[in-house]
C-alpha atoms as a PDB file:
ATOM      1  CA  MET A   1     -54.055  24.481 108.064  1.00  0.00           C
ATOM      2  CA  ALA A   2     -55.338  26.714 104.914  1.00  0.00           C
ATOM      3  CA  GLU A   3     -57.786  28.112 107.961  1.00  0.00           C
ATOM      4  CA  PHE A   4     -54.294  29.607 109.799  1.00  0.00           C
ATOM      5  CA  ALA A   5     -53.431  31.294 106.577  1.00  0.00           C
ATOM      6  CA  GLU A   6     -56.311  32.813 105.761  1.00  0.00           C
ATOM      7  CA  ALA A   7     -56.607  33.932 109.371  1.00  0.00           C
ATOM      8  CA  ASP A   8     -53.236  35.078 109.087  1.00  0.00           C
ATOM      9  CA  ARG A   9     -54.265  36.975 106.089  1.00  0.00           C
ATOM     10  CA  ILE A  10     -57.350  38.539 106.975  1.00  0.00           C
ATOM     11  CA  ILE A  11     -55.469  40.007 110.446  1.00  0.00           C
ATOM     12  CA  THR A  12     -52.451  41.510 108.285  1.00  0.00           C
ATOM     13  CA  GLN A  13     -55.042  42.698 105.586  1.00  0.00           C
ATOM     14  CA  ASN A  14     -57.632  44.080 108.983  1.00  0.00           C
ATOM     15  CA  LEU A  15     -60.170  42.215 106.597  1.00  0.00           C
ATOM     16  CA  PHE A  16     -62.730  42.623 109.129  1.00  0.00           C
ATOM     17  CA  ASP A  17     -66.809  43.465 108.955  1.00  0.00           C
ATOM     18  CA  TYR A  18     -68.905  44.751 111.727  1.00  0.00           C
ATOM     19  CA  HIS A  19     -72.341  43.921 113.248  1.00  0.00           C
ATOM     20  CA  PHE A  20     -73.760  46.287 116.220  1.00  0.00           C
ATOM     21  CA  GLN A  21     -75.853  44.541 118.621  1.00  0.00           C
ATOM     22  CA  PRO A  22     -77.849  46.509 120.966  1.00  0.00           C
ATOM     23  CA  ILE A  23     -77.732  46.147 124.563  1.00  0.00           C
ATOM     24  CA  VAL A  24     -81.151  46.380 126.373  1.00  0.00           C
ATOM     25  CA  ASN A  25     -82.363  47.541 129.858  1.00  0.00           C
ATOM     26  CA  VAL A  26     -84.736  44.503 130.549  1.00  0.00           C
ATOM     27  CA  GLN A  27     -86.340  47.080 133.048  1.00  0.00           C
ATOM     28  CA  ASN A  28     -87.614  49.423 130.888  1.00  0.00           C
ATOM     29  CA  GLY A  29     -86.605  47.864 127.081  1.00  0.00           C
ATOM     30  CA  GLU A  30     -84.466  51.094 126.557  1.00  0.00           C
ATOM     31  CA  ILE A  31     -81.235  50.614 124.489  1.00  0.00           C
ATOM     32  CA  TYR A  32     -78.501  51.756 125.947  1.00  0.00           C
ATOM     33  CA  ALA A  33     -75.452  50.859 124.414  1.00  0.00           C
ATOM     34  CA  TYR A  34     -74.268  48.164 121.404  1.00  0.00           C
ATOM     35  CA  GLU A  35     -71.563  45.949 121.464  1.00  0.00           C
ATOM     36  CA  ALA A  36     -69.662  45.220 118.102  1.00  0.00           C
ATOM     37  CA  LEU A  37     -69.613  41.878 117.116  1.00  0.00           C
ATOM     38  CA  MET A  38     -66.466  41.817 114.691  1.00  0.00           C
ATOM     39  CA  ARG A  39     -66.589  39.088 111.448  1.00  0.00           C
ATOM     40  CA  PRO A  40     -64.211  38.084 109.145  1.00  0.00           C
ATOM     41  CA  VAL A  41     -64.649  38.746 105.844  1.00  0.00           C
ATOM     42  CA  SER A  42     -63.412  35.060 104.261  1.00  0.00           C
ATOM     43  CA  ASP A  43     -65.395  32.086 102.985  1.00  0.00           C
ATOM     44  CA  ILE A  44     -63.001  30.190 104.237  1.00  0.00           C
ATOM     45  CA  CYS A  45     -62.978  31.115 108.094  1.00  0.00           C
ATOM     46  CA  PRO A  46     -66.864  31.614 108.857  1.00  0.00           C
ATOM     47  CA  SER A  47     -66.989  32.221 112.384  1.00  0.00           C
ATOM     48  CA  PRO A  48     -64.922  34.871 114.304  1.00  0.00           C
ATOM     49  CA  TYR A  49     -64.141  31.636 116.641  1.00  0.00           C
ATOM     50  CA  HIS A  50     -61.544  30.555 114.262  1.00  0.00           C
ATOM     51  CA  ILE A  51     -59.435  34.059 114.028  1.00  0.00           C
ATOM     52  CA  ILE A  52     -59.604  34.247 117.817  1.00  0.00           C
ATOM     53  CA  LYS A  53     -58.114  31.079 117.858  1.00  0.00           C
ATOM     54  CA  PHE A  54     -55.142  31.682 115.432  1.00  0.00           C
ATOM     55  CA  ALA A  55     -54.729  34.758 116.763  1.00  0.00           C
ATOM     56  CA  GLU A  56     -54.213  33.490 120.309  1.00  0.00           C
ATOM     57  CA  HIS A  57     -51.703  30.752 119.356  1.00  0.00           C
ATOM     58  CA  SER A  58     -49.282  33.669 117.245  1.00  0.00           C
ATOM     59  CA  ASN A  59     -49.449  36.517 119.563  1.00  0.00           C
ATOM     60  CA  ARG A  60     -51.477  38.487 117.852  1.00  0.00           C
ATOM     61  CA  LEU A  61     -54.485  39.071 119.900  1.00  0.00           C
ATOM     62  CA  ASP A  62     -53.240  42.792 120.684  1.00  0.00           C
ATOM     63  CA  ASP A  63     -53.638  43.157 116.558  1.00  0.00           C
ATOM     64  CA  ILE A  64     -57.267  42.304 116.687  1.00  0.00           C
ATOM     65  CA  GLU A  65     -57.925  44.500 119.622  1.00  0.00           C
ATOM     66  CA  ARG A  66     -56.371  47.327 117.816  1.00  0.00           C
ATOM     67  CA  ALA A  67     -57.810  47.031 114.331  1.00  0.00           C
ATOM     68  CA  THR A  68     -61.190  46.580 115.830  1.00  0.00           C
ATOM     69  CA  PHE A  69     -60.641  49.864 118.680  1.00  0.00           C
ATOM     70  CA  LEU A  70     -59.861  51.725 114.977  1.00  0.00           C
ATOM     71  CA  ASN A  71     -62.294  49.953 112.931  1.00  0.00           C
ATOM     72  CA  VAL A  72     -65.507  50.778 115.363  1.00  0.00           C
ATOM     73  CA  LEU A  73     -64.270  54.526 115.765  1.00  0.00           C
ATOM     74  CA  LYS A  74     -64.507  55.023 112.358  1.00  0.00           C
ATOM     75  CA  LEU A  75     -67.946  53.468 111.962  1.00  0.00           C
END
């Protein structure tokens, strides 16, 4: 249950970090886009999987989507 409380805190306080992974055209090797990979800033919830599962069960997926969209725009 500590993970659920931590997941709620992460979402509420917008404690997300992002890593950008290139999307490569395999025919010519060119990067044509980047995928933003969300990572929670926490030692208790080590993976995005825990955050997404909590958000699904507590109807907070929209909160994560909104935060991710706005955070990535800032970056």
